[in-house]
């Protein structure tokens, strides 16, 4: 009479072992994914802090922006998880003055345009409205071009600044309706969040802004057939 019971136990043994093995494999997979996610979060916060520290003198902001774009590009393409080391390596490899001029020019233009918009925002005389329009156009064009300048400077560090500026302006104008509003919303949104809650700067807001601007610039390059790190055709060695 015990034979059926013994048979059921024998049949249940391999099935139970298989279930336990599958459960252990799933647990290892989940644990690996969680550890990878925690590592990515740590790298993100550490890189954001490094960017903030390097940007403290203000004049180094353009250099920091280009270096962090290089680090983010290597993080995506090469799977390099030591992004902070890559960031400082990029800082050491970039020529300080040319890089500052290259990425700083659209920042200066955007700042001047924003100040003009603020000054003439009250309207009034027709000339005020004209100046307001020019200032708004300068801000949109400069912010849009900045995204392309950062990505192109990171991918093609040996291309002269004049060529990167020219291509960035062409991309900004050609993709004005596609990427222009995206860049403006990204920058205005990050600025508003920073003003409303300054501690957000410490927990990733600057790096998040650069990440979304990089994605938007990649979208614009893709529309122009220049994505994938393809050479510009005029790059110098």
C-alpha atoms as a PDB file:
ATOM      1  CA  UNK A   1       0.000   0.000   0.000  1.00  0.00           C
ATOM      2  CA  UNK A   2       2.966   2.341   0.363  1.00  0.00           C
ATOM      3  CA  UNK A   3       4.046   1.918  -3.263  1.00  0.00           C
ATOM      4  CA  UNK A   4       1.910   4.767  -4.709  1.00  0.00           C
ATOM      5  CA  UNK A   5       3.104   7.148  -1.984  1.00  0.00           C
ATOM      6  CA  UNK A   6       6.724   6.241  -2.628  1.00  0.00           C
ATOM      7  CA  UNK A   7       6.217   6.757  -6.362  1.00  0.00           C
ATOM      8  CA  UNK A   8       4.733  10.217  -5.805  1.00  0.00           C
ATOM      9  CA  UNK A   9       7.664  11.176  -3.548  1.00  0.00           C
ATOM     10  CA  UNK A  10      10.174   9.959  -6.132  1.00  0.00           C
ATOM     11  CA  UNK A  11       8.428  11.921  -8.857  1.00  0.00           C
ATOM     12  CA  UNK A  12       8.225  15.059  -6.721  1.00  0.00           C
ATOM     13  CA  UNK A  13      11.932  14.954  -5.872  1.00  0.00           C
ATOM     14  CA  UNK A  14      13.354  15.942  -9.292  1.00  0.00           C
ATOM     15  CA  UNK A  15      10.562  18.489  -9.827  1.00  0.00           C
ATOM     16  CA  UNK A  16      11.256  20.128  -6.478  1.00  0.00           C
ATOM     17  CA  UNK A  17      14.982  20.184  -7.184  1.00  0.00           C
ATOM     18  CA  UNK A  18      14.350  21.788 -10.574  1.00  0.00           C
ATOM     19  CA  UNK A  19      12.117  24.431  -8.965  1.00  0.00           C
ATOM     20  CA  UNK A  20      14.741  25.235  -6.348  1.00  0.00           C
ATOM     21  CA  UNK A  21      17.441  25.521  -9.012  1.00  0.00           C
ATOM     22  CA  UNK A  22      15.282  27.830 -11.113  1.00  0.00           C
ATOM     23  CA  UNK A  23      14.491  29.923  -8.040  1.00  0.00           C
ATOM     24  CA  UNK A  24      18.161  30.239  -7.150  1.00  0.00           C
ATOM     25  CA  UNK A  25      19.025  31.265 -10.717  1.00  0.00           C
ATOM     26  CA  UNK A  26      16.255  33.868 -10.699  1.00  0.00           C
ATOM     27  CA  UNK A  27      17.481  35.199  -7.344  1.00  0.00           C
ATOM     28  CA  UNK A  28      21.031  35.523  -8.703  1.00  0.00           C
ATOM     29  CA  UNK A  29      19.706  37.305 -11.794  1.00  0.00           C
ATOM     30  CA  UNK A  30      17.650  39.748  -9.740  1.00  0.00           C
ATOM     31  CA  UNK A  31      20.543  40.335  -7.343  1.00  0.00           C
ATOM     32  CA  UNK A  32      22.869  41.038 -10.284  1.00  0.00           C
ATOM     33  CA  UNK A  33      20.396  43.478 -11.830  1.00  0.00           C
ATOM     34  CA  UNK A  34      19.921  45.271  -8.509  1.00  0.00           C
ATOM     35  CA  UNK A  35      23.678  45.577  -7.967  1.00  0.00           C
ATOM     36  CA  UNK A  36      24.143  46.878 -11.521  1.00  0.00           C
ATOM     37  CA  UNK A  37      21.377  49.442 -10.967  1.00  0.00           C
ATOM     38  CA  UNK A  38      22.921  50.564  -7.673  1.00  0.00           C
ATOM     39  CA  UNK A  39      26.301  50.864  -9.385  1.00  0.00           C
ATOM     40  CA  UNK A  40      24.797  53.032 -12.116  1.00  0.00           C
ATOM     41  CA  UNK A  41      23.125  55.277  -9.542  1.00  0.00           C
ATOM     42  CA  UNK A  42      26.401  55.641  -7.636  1.00  0.00           C
ATOM     43  CA  UNK A  43      28.307  56.471 -10.831  1.00  0.00           C
ATOM     44  CA  UNK A  44      25.661  59.012 -11.799  1.00  0.00           C
ATOM     45  CA  UNK A  45      25.760  60.806  -8.445  1.00  0.00           C
ATOM     46  CA  UNK A  46      29.563  60.696  -8.256  1.00  0.00           C
ATOM     47  CA  UNK A  47      29.910  62.086 -11.777  1.00  0.00           C
ATOM     48  CA  UNK A  48      27.395  64.831 -11.030  1.00  0.00           C
ATOM     49  CA  UNK A  49      29.366  65.832  -7.937  1.00  0.00           C
ATOM     50  CA  UNK A  50      32.611  65.856  -9.920  1.00  0.00           C
ATOM     51  CA  UNK A  51      31.053  68.129 -12.544  1.00  0.00           C
ATOM     52  CA  UNK A  52      29.807  70.525  -9.871  1.00  0.00           C
ATOM     53  CA  UNK A  53      33.219  70.700  -8.205  1.00  0.00           C
ATOM     54  CA  UNK A  54      35.051  71.336 -11.467  1.00  0.00           C
ATOM     55  CA  UNK A  55      32.459  73.972 -12.461  1.00  0.00           C
ATOM     56  CA  UNK A  56      32.819  75.983  -9.241  1.00  0.00           C
ATOM     57  CA  UNK A  57      35.193  78.574 -10.787  1.00  0.00           C
ATOM     58  CA  UNK A  58      32.427  79.199 -13.431  1.00  0.00           C
ATOM     59  CA  UNK A  59      35.014  79.811 -16.153  1.00  0.00           C
ATOM     60  CA  UNK A  60      35.621  76.055 -16.209  1.00  0.00           C
ATOM     61  CA  UNK A  61      31.954  75.236 -16.944  1.00  0.00           C
ATOM     62  CA  UNK A  62      32.478  74.797 -20.740  1.00  0.00           C
ATOM     63  CA  UNK A  63      35.460  72.514 -20.175  1.00  0.00           C
ATOM     64  CA  UNK A  64      33.534  70.442 -17.624  1.00  0.00           C
ATOM     65  CA  UNK A  65      30.538  70.137 -19.979  1.00  0.00           C
ATOM     66  CA  UNK A  66      32.653  68.805 -22.856  1.00  0.00           C
ATOM     67  CA  UNK A  67      34.555  66.408 -20.579  1.00  0.00           C
ATOM     68  CA  UNK A  68      31.397  64.973 -19.059  1.00  0.00           C
ATOM     69  CA  UNK A  69      29.892  64.524 -22.525  1.00  0.00           C
ATOM     70  CA  UNK A  70      32.970  62.477 -23.472  1.00  0.00           C
ATOM     71  CA  UNK A  71      32.577  60.380 -20.307  1.00  0.00           C
ATOM     72  CA  UNK A  72      28.874  59.795 -21.008  1.00  0.00           C
ATOM     73  CA  UNK A  73      29.612  58.801 -24.592  1.00  0.00           C
ATOM     74  CA  UNK A  74      32.206  56.247 -23.441  1.00  0.00           C
ATOM     75  CA  UNK A  75      29.816  54.977 -20.783  1.00  0.00           C
ATOM     76  CA  UNK A  76      27.227  54.284 -23.479  1.00  0.00           C
ATOM     77  CA  UNK A  77      29.416  52.949 -26.283  1.00  0.00           C
ATOM     78  CA  UNK A  78      32.208  51.153 -24.410  1.00  0.00           C
ATOM     79  CA  UNK A  79      30.327  50.121 -21.286  1.00  0.00           C
ATOM     80  CA  UNK A  80      33.009  51.846 -19.214  1.00  0.00           C
ATOM     81  CA  UNK A  81      31.564  52.076 -15.707  1.00  0.00           C
ATOM     82  CA  UNK A  82      34.427  54.099 -14.207  1.00  0.00           C
ATOM     83  CA  UNK A  83      32.912  57.306 -15.546  1.00  0.00           C
ATOM     84  CA  UNK A  84      34.448  59.587 -12.937  1.00  0.00           C
ATOM     85  CA  UNK A  85      37.924  58.420 -13.960  1.00  0.00           C
ATOM     86  CA  UNK A  86      36.969  58.900 -17.606  1.00  0.00           C
ATOM     87  CA  UNK A  87      35.723  62.406 -16.786  1.00  0.00           C
ATOM     88  CA  UNK A  88      39.012  63.483 -15.218  1.00  0.00           C
ATOM     89  CA  UNK A  89      40.973  61.762 -17.982  1.00  0.00           C
ATOM     90  CA  UNK A  90      39.003  63.777 -20.536  1.00  0.00           C
ATOM     91  CA  UNK A  91      39.689  66.962 -18.547  1.00  0.00           C
ATOM     92  CA  UNK A  92      43.426  66.298 -18.708  1.00  0.00           C
ATOM     93  CA  UNK A  93      43.367  65.474 -22.421  1.00  0.00           C
ATOM     94  CA  UNK A  94      41.341  68.487 -23.571  1.00  0.00           C
ATOM     95  CA  UNK A  95      43.162  71.728 -24.398  1.00  0.00           C
ATOM     96  CA  UNK A  96      41.745  74.141 -21.798  1.00  0.00           C
ATOM     97  CA  UNK A  97      41.610  77.427 -23.712  1.00  0.00           C
ATOM     98  CA  UNK A  98      40.334  76.159 -27.099  1.00  0.00           C
ATOM     99  CA  UNK A  99      37.723  73.957 -25.413  1.00  0.00           C
ATOM    100  CA  UNK A 100      36.568  76.809 -23.186  1.00  0.00           C
ATOM    101  CA  UNK A 101      36.189  79.102 -26.190  1.00  0.00           C
ATOM    102  CA  UNK A 102      34.478  76.384 -28.239  1.00  0.00           C
ATOM    103  CA  UNK A 103      31.792  75.472 -25.719  1.00  0.00           C
ATOM    104  CA  UNK A 104      31.729  78.833 -23.980  1.00  0.00           C
ATOM    105  CA  UNK A 105      30.692  80.864 -27.034  1.00  0.00           C
ATOM    106  CA  UNK A 106      27.107  79.540 -27.239  1.00  0.00           C
ATOM    107  CA  UNK A 107      26.809  79.840 -23.447  1.00  0.00           C
ATOM    108  CA  UNK A 108      27.793  83.519 -23.636  1.00  0.00           C
ATOM    109  CA  UNK A 109      25.394  84.157 -26.530  1.00  0.00           C
ATOM    110  CA  UNK A 110      22.579  82.449 -24.640  1.00  0.00           C
ATOM    111  CA  UNK A 111      23.339  84.514 -21.538  1.00  0.00           C
ATOM    112  CA  UNK A 112      23.366  87.797 -23.475  1.00  0.00           C
ATOM    113  CA  UNK A 113      20.137  86.855 -25.227  1.00  0.00           C
ATOM    114  CA  UNK A 114      18.478  85.939 -21.929  1.00  0.00           C
ATOM    115  CA  UNK A 115      19.499  89.280 -20.433  1.00  0.00           C
ATOM    116  CA  UNK A 116      18.078  91.084 -23.479  1.00  0.00           C
ATOM    117  CA  UNK A 117      14.811  89.167 -23.161  1.00  0.00           C
ATOM    118  CA  UNK A 118      14.616  90.084 -19.480  1.00  0.00           C
ATOM    119  CA  UNK A 119      15.327  93.743 -20.207  1.00  0.00           C
ATOM    120  CA  UNK A 120      12.777  94.142 -23.014  1.00  0.00           C
ATOM    121  CA  UNK A 121      10.138  91.775 -21.599  1.00  0.00           C
ATOM    122  CA  UNK A 122       7.953  94.710 -20.523  1.00  0.00           C
ATOM    123  CA  UNK A 123       7.351  95.590 -24.196  1.00  0.00           C
ATOM    124  CA  UNK A 124       6.082  99.101 -24.901  1.00  0.00           C
ATOM    125  CA  UNK A 125       7.698 100.748 -27.909  1.00  0.00           C
ATOM    126  CA  UNK A 126       7.913  98.860 -31.237  1.00  0.00           C
ATOM    127  CA  UNK A 127      11.695  98.792 -30.952  1.00  0.00           C
ATOM    128  CA  UNK A 128      11.338  97.004 -27.607  1.00  0.00           C
ATOM    129  CA  UNK A 129       9.314  94.251 -29.238  1.00  0.00           C
ATOM    130  CA  UNK A 130      11.884  93.949 -32.011  1.00  0.00           C
ATOM    131  CA  UNK A 131      14.719  93.637 -29.507  1.00  0.00           C
ATOM    132  CA  UNK A 132      12.668  91.124 -27.530  1.00  0.00           C
ATOM    133  CA  UNK A 133      12.208  89.046 -30.669  1.00  0.00           C
ATOM    134  CA  UNK A 134      15.906  89.162 -31.520  1.00  0.00           C
ATOM    135  CA  UNK A 135      16.834  88.235 -27.973  1.00  0.00           C
ATOM    136  CA  UNK A 136      14.418  85.299 -27.919  1.00  0.00           C
ATOM    137  CA  UNK A 137      15.728  84.043 -31.266  1.00  0.00           C
ATOM    138  CA  UNK A 138      19.306  84.324 -30.014  1.00  0.00           C
ATOM    139  CA  UNK A 139      18.486  82.303 -26.891  1.00  0.00           C
ATOM    140  CA  UNK A 140      16.740  79.537 -28.831  1.00  0.00           C
ATOM    141  CA  UNK A 141      19.483  79.331 -31.454  1.00  0.00           C
ATOM    142  CA  UNK A 142      22.326  79.453 -28.907  1.00  0.00           C
ATOM    143  CA  UNK A 143      20.783  76.838 -26.590  1.00  0.00           C
ATOM    144  CA  UNK A 144      20.046  74.552 -29.540  1.00  0.00           C
ATOM    145  CA  UNK A 145      23.542  74.991 -30.972  1.00  0.00           C
ATOM    146  CA  UNK A 146      25.075  74.342 -27.533  1.00  0.00           C
ATOM    147  CA  UNK A 147      23.726  70.796 -27.471  1.00  0.00           C
ATOM    148  CA  UNK A 148      25.306  70.052 -30.847  1.00  0.00           C
ATOM    149  CA  UNK A 149      28.573  71.787 -29.929  1.00  0.00           C
ATOM    150  CA  UNK A 150      29.001  69.643 -26.811  1.00  0.00           C
ATOM    151  CA  UNK A 151      28.348  66.372 -28.630  1.00  0.00           C
ATOM    152  CA  UNK A 152      30.455  67.221 -31.693  1.00  0.00           C
ATOM    153  CA  UNK A 153      33.323  68.544 -29.559  1.00  0.00           C
ATOM    154  CA  UNK A 154      33.289  65.318 -27.535  1.00  0.00           C
ATOM    155  CA  UNK A 155      33.275  63.085 -30.601  1.00  0.00           C
ATOM    156  CA  UNK A 156      35.620  65.105 -32.798  1.00  0.00           C
ATOM    157  CA  UNK A 157      38.122  66.866 -30.518  1.00  0.00           C
ATOM    158  CA  UNK A 158      40.557  67.614 -33.355  1.00  0.00           C
ATOM    159  CA  UNK A 159      38.073  69.481 -35.552  1.00  0.00           C
ATOM    160  CA  UNK A 160      38.616  73.272 -35.488  1.00  0.00           C
ATOM    161  CA  UNK A 161      36.149  75.306 -33.454  1.00  0.00           C
ATOM    162  CA  UNK A 162      35.000  77.277 -36.490  1.00  0.00           C
ATOM    163  CA  UNK A 163      33.892  74.097 -38.260  1.00  0.00           C
ATOM    164  CA  UNK A 164      32.062  72.765 -35.202  1.00  0.00           C
ATOM    165  CA  UNK A 165      30.329  76.117 -34.741  1.00  0.00           C
ATOM    166  CA  UNK A 166      29.310  76.245 -38.388  1.00  0.00           C
ATOM    167  CA  UNK A 167      27.946  72.703 -38.385  1.00  0.00           C
ATOM    168  CA  UNK A 168      26.186  73.228 -35.048  1.00  0.00           C
ATOM    169  CA  UNK A 169      24.441  76.352 -36.325  1.00  0.00           C
ATOM    170  CA  UNK A 170      23.373  74.530 -39.488  1.00  0.00           C
ATOM    171  CA  UNK A 171      22.023  71.665 -37.400  1.00  0.00           C
ATOM    172  CA  UNK A 172      20.275  74.093 -35.047  1.00  0.00           C
ATOM    173  CA  UNK A 173      18.583  75.903 -37.937  1.00  0.00           C
ATOM    174  CA  UNK A 174      17.795  72.731 -39.890  1.00  0.00           C
ATOM    175  CA  UNK A 175      16.296  71.014 -36.830  1.00  0.00           C
ATOM    176  CA  UNK A 176      14.824  74.161 -35.313  1.00  0.00           C
ATOM    177  CA  UNK A 177      11.252  72.857 -35.182  1.00  0.00           C
ATOM    178  CA  UNK A 178      12.300  69.332 -34.186  1.00  0.00           C
ATOM    179  CA  UNK A 179      14.966  69.854 -31.516  1.00  0.00           C
ATOM    180  CA  UNK A 180      14.789  73.591 -30.794  1.00  0.00           C
ATOM    181  CA  UNK A 181      11.728  73.372 -28.513  1.00  0.00           C
ATOM    182  CA  UNK A 182      13.188  70.289 -26.803  1.00  0.00           C
ATOM    183  CA  UNK A 183      16.451  72.033 -25.929  1.00  0.00           C
ATOM    184  CA  UNK A 184      14.618  75.129 -24.666  1.00  0.00           C
ATOM    185  CA  UNK A 185      12.206  73.110 -22.509  1.00  0.00           C
ATOM    186  CA  UNK A 186      15.078  71.060 -21.089  1.00  0.00           C
ATOM    187  CA  UNK A 187      17.148  74.096 -20.129  1.00  0.00           C
ATOM    188  CA  UNK A 188      14.216  76.146 -18.831  1.00  0.00           C
ATOM    189  CA  UNK A 189      12.877  73.169 -16.890  1.00  0.00           C
ATOM    190  CA  UNK A 190      16.220  72.456 -15.241  1.00  0.00           C
ATOM    191  CA  UNK A 191      16.702  76.159 -14.427  1.00  0.00           C
ATOM    192  CA  UNK A 192      13.257  76.400 -12.872  1.00  0.00           C
ATOM    193  CA  UNK A 193      13.802  73.249 -10.804  1.00  0.00           C
ATOM    194  CA  UNK A 194      17.177  74.556  -9.602  1.00  0.00           C
ATOM    195  CA  UNK A 195      15.595  77.857  -8.541  1.00  0.00           C
ATOM    196  CA  UNK A 196      12.700  76.170  -6.768  1.00  0.00           C
ATOM    197  CA  UNK A 197      14.773  73.472  -5.062  1.00  0.00           C
ATOM    198  CA  UNK A 198      18.555  74.146  -5.104  1.00  0.00           C
ATOM    199  CA  UNK A 199      19.445  70.807  -3.391  1.00  0.00           C
ATOM    200  CA  UNK A 200      18.452  69.116  -6.653  1.00  0.00           C
ATOM    201  CA  UNK A 201      21.785  70.337  -7.996  1.00  0.00           C
ATOM    202  CA  UNK A 202      23.531  67.936  -5.622  1.00  0.00           C
ATOM    203  CA  UNK A 203      21.466  64.878  -6.521  1.00  0.00           C
ATOM    204  CA  UNK A 204      21.899  64.866 -10.266  1.00  0.00           C
ATOM    205  CA  UNK A 205      20.027  67.774 -11.892  1.00  0.00           C
ATOM    206  CA  UNK A 206      23.019  69.181 -13.862  1.00  0.00           C
ATOM    207  CA  UNK A 207      24.063  65.764 -15.134  1.00  0.00           C
ATOM    208  CA  UNK A 208      20.453  64.854 -15.951  1.00  0.00           C
ATOM    209  CA  UNK A 209      20.192  68.033 -18.032  1.00  0.00           C
ATOM    210  CA  UNK A 210      23.379  67.192 -19.932  1.00  0.00           C
ATOM    211  CA  UNK A 211      22.125  63.635 -20.510  1.00  0.00           C
ATOM    212  CA  UNK A 212      18.828  64.734 -22.045  1.00  0.00           C
ATOM    213  CA  UNK A 213      20.571  67.440 -24.094  1.00  0.00           C
ATOM    214  CA  UNK A 214      22.963  64.797 -25.384  1.00  0.00           C
ATOM    215  CA  UNK A 215      20.041  62.556 -26.365  1.00  0.00           C
ATOM    216  CA  UNK A 216      18.329  65.454 -28.124  1.00  0.00           C
ATOM    217  CA  UNK A 217      21.530  66.312 -29.995  1.00  0.00           C
ATOM    218  CA  UNK A 218      21.885  62.672 -31.050  1.00  0.00           C
ATOM    219  CA  UNK A 219      18.332  62.807 -32.374  1.00  0.00           C
ATOM    220  CA  UNK A 220      19.211  65.899 -34.405  1.00  0.00           C
ATOM    221  CA  UNK A 221      22.393  64.268 -35.721  1.00  0.00           C
ATOM    222  CA  UNK A 222      20.375  61.192 -36.668  1.00  0.00           C
ATOM    223  CA  UNK A 223      17.936  63.324 -38.639  1.00  0.00           C
ATOM    224  CA  UNK A 224      20.895  64.862 -40.454  1.00  0.00           C
ATOM    225  CA  UNK A 225      22.533  61.478 -41.083  1.00  0.00           C
ATOM    226  CA  UNK A 226      25.510  62.225 -38.839  1.00  0.00           C
ATOM    227  CA  UNK A 227      24.790  59.967 -35.850  1.00  0.00           C
ATOM    228  CA  UNK A 228      26.878  56.977 -34.800  1.00  0.00           C
ATOM    229  CA  UNK A 229      30.098  58.941 -34.377  1.00  0.00           C
ATOM    230  CA  UNK A 230      30.641  59.241 -38.132  1.00  0.00           C
ATOM    231  CA  UNK A 231      33.498  61.542 -39.125  1.00  0.00           C
ATOM    232  CA  UNK A 232      32.566  65.042 -40.148  1.00  0.00           C
ATOM    233  CA  UNK A 233      34.559  64.788 -43.322  1.00  0.00           C
ATOM    234  CA  UNK A 234      36.790  67.673 -42.358  1.00  0.00           C
ATOM    235  CA  UNK A 235      38.381  66.233 -39.254  1.00  0.00           C
ATOM    236  CA  UNK A 236      42.092  66.784 -38.924  1.00  0.00           C
ATOM    237  CA  UNK A 237      44.547  64.312 -37.518  1.00  0.00           C
END
